[in-house]
Amino acid sequence: MQFTDDQAAQIVGMINRGEKFYVIARKIGKGCTWQDIQAFCWQKGEMSWQGSKRMISTRLNRLPTAGQREEGERLAEEIRQRVHYLYHCAKAMKDRLDVLEKAVAKVVATTQE
């Protein structure tokens, strides 16, 4: 399925906020399925939080049995990249929550006056 630039940006934003593929597909609509969202994310190098967690777990499980040093280093690098990705997603979400909390505090303060 082809997505417009606006839809693509919307999908990436929802993925970075931790939305699941099927939820994103429902929001996009127009016959979009979770498989379409998954294929788009694979093409763009984006991954859901759940997918990142699964990838990290798989790599950690394979790490002790890695035969050669190069394979172990590759697995460690993949883990590092996914953890870095999750950190930045969580940090961006925290920043948005801080902005919302400040806005709510302002509204509450003005209604109490």
N, C-alpha and C. Protein backbone atom coordinates (compact mmCIF):
# COMPACT_ATOMS: atom_id res chain seq x y z
N MET A 1 0.84 -1.18 0.00
CA MET A 1 0.00 0.00 0.00
C MET A 1 0.89 1.24 0.00
N GLN A 2 0.53 2.21 -0.79
CA GLN A 2 1.27 3.46 -0.86
C GLN A 2 0.63 4.47 0.11
N PHE A 3 1.47 5.19 0.82
CA PHE A 3 1.00 6.20 1.76
C PHE A 3 1.42 7.58 1.28
N THR A 4 0.58 8.57 1.53
CA THR A 4 0.94 9.94 1.22
C THR A 4 2.02 10.38 2.21
N ASP A 5 2.65 11.51 1.94
CA ASP A 5 3.68 12.02 2.85
C ASP A 5 3.08 12.31 4.22
N ASP A 6 1.85 12.85 4.24
CA ASP A 6 1.19 13.14 5.52
C ASP A 6 0.91 11.85 6.29
N GLN A 7 0.43 10.83 5.60
CA GLN A 7 0.16 9.55 6.25
C GLN A 7 1.46 8.93 6.76
N ALA A 8 2.52 9.01 5.97
CA ALA A 8 3.81 8.45 6.38
C ALA A 8 4.30 9.14 7.65
N ALA A 9 4.20 10.46 7.70
CA ALA A 9 4.62 11.19 8.90
C ALA A 9 3.74 10.81 10.09
N GLN A 10 2.46 10.65 9.84
CA GLN A 10 1.53 10.26 10.90
C GLN A 10 1.89 8.86 11.43
N ILE A 11 2.20 7.94 10.53
CA ILE A 11 2.56 6.58 10.94
C ILE A 11 3.83 6.59 11.78
N VAL A 12 4.86 7.29 11.32
CA VAL A 12 6.12 7.35 12.05
C VAL A 12 5.90 7.97 13.43
N GLY A 13 5.10 9.02 13.49
CA GLY A 13 4.81 9.65 14.78
C GLY A 13 4.11 8.69 15.74
N MET A 14 3.14 7.94 15.23
CA MET A 14 2.42 6.99 16.08
C MET A 14 3.31 5.84 16.53
N ILE A 15 4.18 5.37 15.64
CA ILE A 15 5.12 4.31 16.00
C ILE A 15 6.04 4.80 17.11
N ASN A 16 6.54 6.03 16.98
CA ASN A 16 7.44 6.57 17.98
C ASN A 16 6.74 6.84 19.32
N ARG A 17 5.42 6.97 19.29
CA ARG A 17 4.66 7.13 20.54
C ARG A 17 4.26 5.78 21.13
N GLY A 18 4.61 4.68 20.46
CA GLY A 18 4.36 3.36 21.01
C GLY A 18 3.05 2.73 20.59
N GLU A 19 2.39 3.28 19.57
CA GLU A 19 1.12 2.70 19.10
C GLU A 19 1.37 1.34 18.45
N LYS A 20 0.40 0.49 18.53
CA LYS A 20 0.47 -0.83 17.90
C LYS A 20 0.06 -0.71 16.43
N PHE A 21 0.53 -1.66 15.62
CA PHE A 21 0.26 -1.63 14.18
C PHE A 21 -1.24 -1.60 13.88
N TYR A 22 -2.03 -2.44 14.56
CA TYR A 22 -3.45 -2.51 14.25
C TYR A 22 -4.17 -1.21 14.61
N VAL A 23 -3.71 -0.52 15.64
CA VAL A 23 -4.32 0.77 16.02
C VAL A 23 -4.01 1.81 14.95
N ILE A 24 -2.78 1.82 14.48
CA ILE A 24 -2.38 2.77 13.44
C ILE A 24 -3.19 2.50 12.17
N ALA A 25 -3.34 1.23 11.80
CA ALA A 25 -4.09 0.87 10.59
C ALA A 25 -5.52 1.38 10.69
N ARG A 26 -6.15 1.25 11.86
CA ARG A 26 -7.52 1.75 12.04
C ARG A 26 -7.58 3.25 11.88
N LYS A 27 -6.59 3.97 12.41
CA LYS A 27 -6.58 5.43 12.32
C LYS A 27 -6.33 5.90 10.89
N ILE A 28 -5.50 5.18 10.14
CA ILE A 28 -5.23 5.54 8.75
C ILE A 28 -6.46 5.25 7.89
N GLY A 29 -7.11 4.10 8.15
CA GLY A 29 -8.33 3.74 7.43
C GLY A 29 -8.09 3.40 5.98
N LYS A 30 -9.14 3.53 5.16
CA LYS A 30 -9.07 3.30 3.72
C LYS A 30 -8.53 1.92 3.36
N GLY A 31 -8.94 0.89 4.09
CA GLY A 31 -8.53 -0.46 3.78
C GLY A 31 -7.12 -0.82 4.23
N CYS A 32 -6.51 0.03 5.04
CA CYS A 32 -5.16 -0.21 5.53
C CYS A 32 -5.20 -1.32 6.58
N THR A 33 -4.25 -2.24 6.50
CA THR A 33 -4.17 -3.33 7.47
C THR A 33 -2.91 -3.17 8.31
N TRP A 34 -2.84 -3.94 9.40
CA TRP A 34 -1.64 -3.88 10.23
C TRP A 34 -0.43 -4.38 9.44
N GLN A 35 -0.67 -5.29 8.47
CA GLN A 35 0.44 -5.79 7.66
C GLN A 35 1.01 -4.67 6.77
N ASP A 36 0.13 -3.78 6.29
CA ASP A 36 0.59 -2.63 5.51
C ASP A 36 1.49 -1.73 6.36
N ILE A 37 1.08 -1.51 7.60
CA ILE A 37 1.85 -0.66 8.50
C ILE A 37 3.19 -1.33 8.82
N GLN A 38 3.15 -2.63 9.05
CA GLN A 38 4.38 -3.37 9.35
C GLN A 38 5.36 -3.29 8.17
N ALA A 39 4.85 -3.51 6.97
CA ALA A 39 5.70 -3.46 5.77
C ALA A 39 6.30 -2.05 5.60
N PHE A 40 5.50 -1.02 5.82
CA PHE A 40 5.98 0.36 5.72
C PHE A 40 7.11 0.59 6.72
N CYS A 41 6.90 0.14 7.96
CA CYS A 41 7.91 0.34 9.00
C CYS A 41 9.20 -0.39 8.68
N TRP A 42 9.10 -1.59 8.14
CA TRP A 42 10.30 -2.33 7.76
C TRP A 42 11.06 -1.59 6.67
N GLN A 43 10.32 -1.05 5.69
CA GLN A 43 10.96 -0.32 4.60
C GLN A 43 11.65 0.94 5.12
N LYS A 44 11.04 1.61 6.08
CA LYS A 44 11.58 2.87 6.59
C LYS A 44 12.57 2.68 7.74
N GLY A 45 12.72 1.45 8.22
CA GLY A 45 13.63 1.20 9.33
C GLY A 45 13.06 1.58 10.68
N GLU A 46 11.76 1.80 10.74
CA GLU A 46 11.10 2.11 12.01
C GLU A 46 10.63 0.81 12.64
N MET A 47 10.52 0.79 13.96
CA MET A 47 10.08 -0.42 14.63
C MET A 47 9.20 -0.03 15.81
N SER A 48 8.18 -0.82 16.03
CA SER A 48 7.31 -0.57 17.18
C SER A 48 8.10 -0.83 18.46
N TRP A 49 7.60 -0.31 19.57
CA TRP A 49 8.28 -0.54 20.85
C TRP A 49 8.26 -2.02 21.18
N GLN A 50 7.11 -2.65 20.93
CA GLN A 50 6.99 -4.08 21.20
C GLN A 50 7.97 -4.86 20.32
N GLY A 51 8.08 -4.47 19.06
CA GLY A 51 9.03 -5.12 18.16
C GLY A 51 10.47 -4.91 18.61
N SER A 52 10.77 -3.72 19.10
CA SER A 52 12.11 -3.44 19.61
C SER A 52 12.42 -4.30 20.82
N LYS A 53 11.46 -4.43 21.72
CA LYS A 53 11.64 -5.26 22.91
C LYS A 53 11.89 -6.70 22.50
N ARG A 54 11.11 -7.19 21.55
CA ARG A 54 11.27 -8.56 21.08
C ARG A 54 12.64 -8.76 20.43
N MET A 55 13.07 -7.78 19.65
CA MET A 55 14.37 -7.89 18.98
C MET A 55 15.50 -7.91 20.01
N ILE A 56 15.42 -7.03 21.02
CA ILE A 56 16.43 -6.99 22.06
C ILE A 56 16.48 -8.33 22.79
N SER A 57 15.32 -8.84 23.15
CA SER A 57 15.28 -10.12 23.87
C SER A 57 15.88 -11.25 23.05
N THR A 58 15.55 -11.30 21.77
CA THR A 58 16.09 -12.34 20.89
C THR A 58 17.61 -12.25 20.80
N ARG A 59 18.12 -11.02 20.62
CA ARG A 59 19.57 -10.84 20.51
C ARG A 59 20.27 -11.21 21.82
N LEU A 60 19.67 -10.82 22.96
CA LEU A 60 20.26 -11.17 24.25
C LEU A 60 20.31 -12.68 24.45
N ASN A 61 19.26 -13.37 24.01
CA ASN A 61 19.23 -14.82 24.14
C ASN A 61 20.28 -15.50 23.25
N ARG A 62 20.55 -14.89 22.10
CA ARG A 62 21.54 -15.47 21.17
C ARG A 62 22.97 -15.11 21.53
N LEU A 63 23.15 -14.06 22.31
CA LEU A 63 24.49 -13.57 22.62
C LEU A 63 25.40 -14.61 23.29
N PRO A 64 24.93 -15.36 24.29
CA PRO A 64 25.83 -16.34 24.92
C PRO A 64 26.28 -17.46 23.98
N THR A 65 25.52 -17.74 22.94
CA THR A 65 25.88 -18.83 22.04
C THR A 65 26.53 -18.33 20.75
N ALA A 66 26.82 -17.04 20.69
CA ALA A 66 27.46 -16.48 19.50
C ALA A 66 28.82 -17.15 19.33
N GLY A 67 29.03 -17.72 18.18
CA GLY A 67 30.24 -18.50 17.94
C GLY A 67 31.50 -17.68 17.82
N GLN A 68 31.46 -16.64 17.04
CA GLN A 68 32.66 -15.86 16.79
C GLN A 68 32.52 -14.49 17.44
N ARG A 69 33.64 -13.88 17.71
CA ARG A 69 33.66 -12.55 18.34
C ARG A 69 32.90 -11.53 17.48
N GLU A 70 33.06 -11.61 16.16
CA GLU A 70 32.39 -10.66 15.27
C GLU A 70 30.86 -10.77 15.39
N GLU A 71 30.37 -12.00 15.51
CA GLU A 71 28.93 -12.19 15.65
C GLU A 71 28.44 -11.59 16.96
N GLY A 72 29.18 -11.80 18.04
CA GLY A 72 28.82 -11.23 19.33
C GLY A 72 28.82 -9.71 19.30
N GLU A 73 29.81 -9.14 18.64
CA GLU A 73 29.89 -7.68 18.51
C GLU A 73 28.74 -7.14 17.68
N ARG A 74 28.36 -7.87 16.62
CA ARG A 74 27.24 -7.45 15.79
C ARG A 74 25.94 -7.48 16.60
N LEU A 75 25.72 -8.54 17.35
CA LEU A 75 24.52 -8.64 18.19
C LEU A 75 24.49 -7.52 19.23
N ALA A 76 25.64 -7.25 19.84
CA ALA A 76 25.71 -6.18 20.84
C ALA A 76 25.40 -4.83 20.21
N GLU A 77 25.87 -4.59 19.01
CA GLU A 77 25.60 -3.32 18.32
C GLU A 77 24.11 -3.19 17.99
N GLU A 78 23.48 -4.28 17.54
CA GLU A 78 22.05 -4.24 17.25
C GLU A 78 21.25 -3.94 18.53
N ILE A 79 21.67 -4.54 19.64
CA ILE A 79 21.00 -4.29 20.92
C ILE A 79 21.17 -2.81 21.30
N ARG A 80 22.40 -2.30 21.16
CA ARG A 80 22.67 -0.90 21.49
C ARG A 80 21.79 0.04 20.68
N GLN A 81 21.64 -0.22 19.39
CA GLN A 81 20.82 0.63 18.53
C GLN A 81 19.36 0.63 18.97
N ARG A 82 18.82 -0.54 19.29
CA ARG A 82 17.42 -0.63 19.71
C ARG A 82 17.19 0.05 21.06
N VAL A 83 18.13 -0.12 21.99
CA VAL A 83 18.00 0.54 23.30
C VAL A 83 18.06 2.05 23.11
N HIS A 84 18.96 2.52 22.26
CA HIS A 84 19.09 3.94 21.95
C HIS A 84 17.77 4.47 21.37
N TYR A 85 17.19 3.73 20.44
CA TYR A 85 15.91 4.09 19.83
C TYR A 85 14.81 4.22 20.89
N LEU A 86 14.70 3.21 21.75
CA LEU A 86 13.68 3.24 22.80
C LEU A 86 13.89 4.40 23.76
N TYR A 87 15.13 4.68 24.08
CA TYR A 87 15.45 5.81 24.97
C TYR A 87 14.94 7.12 24.37
N HIS A 88 15.25 7.35 23.10
CA HIS A 88 14.84 8.61 22.47
C HIS A 88 13.33 8.71 22.32
N CYS A 89 12.67 7.60 22.05
CA CYS A 89 11.20 7.61 21.99
C CYS A 89 10.61 7.96 23.35
N ALA A 90 11.12 7.33 24.39
CA ALA A 90 10.62 7.59 25.74
C ALA A 90 10.91 9.02 26.17
N LYS A 91 12.08 9.53 25.83
CA LYS A 91 12.44 10.91 26.18
C LYS A 91 11.51 11.89 25.48
N ALA A 92 11.22 11.65 24.20
CA ALA A 92 10.30 12.54 23.47
C ALA A 92 8.91 12.49 24.09
N MET A 93 8.47 11.31 24.51
CA MET A 93 7.16 11.19 25.14
C MET A 93 7.16 11.93 26.48
N LYS A 94 8.23 11.83 27.25
CA LYS A 94 8.34 12.54 28.53
C LYS A 94 8.27 14.04 28.31
N ASP A 95 8.96 14.54 27.29
CA ASP A 95 8.92 15.97 26.98
C ASP A 95 7.50 16.42 26.65
N ARG A 96 6.77 15.62 25.88
CA ARG A 96 5.38 15.97 25.54
C ARG A 96 4.50 15.95 26.78
N LEU A 97 4.72 14.97 27.66
CA LEU A 97 3.95 14.91 28.91
C LEU A 97 4.23 16.11 29.80
N ASP A 98 5.48 16.55 29.85
CA ASP A 98 5.82 17.73 30.64
C ASP A 98 5.08 18.97 30.14
N VAL A 99 5.03 19.13 28.83
CA VAL A 99 4.31 20.26 28.24
C VAL A 99 2.82 20.18 28.59
N LEU A 100 2.24 18.99 28.49
CA LEU A 100 0.82 18.83 28.84
C LEU A 100 0.56 19.11 30.32
N GLU A 101 1.43 18.63 31.18
CA GLU A 101 1.27 18.87 32.61
C GLU A 101 1.32 20.36 32.93
N LYS A 102 2.21 21.09 32.30
CA LYS A 102 2.30 22.53 32.51
C LYS A 102 1.03 23.23 32.02
N ALA A 103 0.52 22.80 30.87
CA ALA A 103 -0.70 23.40 30.34
C ALA A 103 -1.89 23.13 31.26
N VAL A 104 -2.00 21.91 31.76
CA VAL A 104 -3.09 21.56 32.67
C VAL A 104 -2.96 22.35 33.97
N ALA A 105 -1.75 22.49 34.48
CA ALA A 105 -1.54 23.25 35.71
C ALA A 105 -1.96 24.70 35.54
N LYS A 106 -1.69 25.29 34.37
CA LYS A 106 -2.11 26.67 34.09
C LYS A 106 -3.63 26.78 34.09
N VAL A 107 -4.28 25.83 33.43
CA VAL A 107 -5.74 25.85 33.35
C VAL A 107 -6.35 25.71 34.74
N VAL A 108 -5.82 24.80 35.52
CA VAL A 108 -6.32 24.59 36.88
C VAL A 108 -6.11 25.83 37.72
N ALA A 109 -4.95 26.47 37.58
CA ALA A 109 -4.64 27.66 38.37
C ALA A 109 -5.58 28.81 38.00
N THR A 110 -5.89 28.96 36.72
CA THR A 110 -6.77 30.06 36.31
C THR A 110 -8.21 29.81 36.70
N THR A 111 -8.63 28.57 36.76
CA THR A 111 -10.02 28.28 37.15
C THR A 111 -10.20 28.38 38.66
N GLN A 112 -9.13 28.28 39.42
CA GLN A 112 -9.23 28.39 40.87
C GLN A 112 -9.19 29.83 41.34
N GLU A 113 -8.84 30.75 40.47
CA GLU A 113 -8.76 32.17 40.86
C GLU A 113 -10.11 32.81 40.92
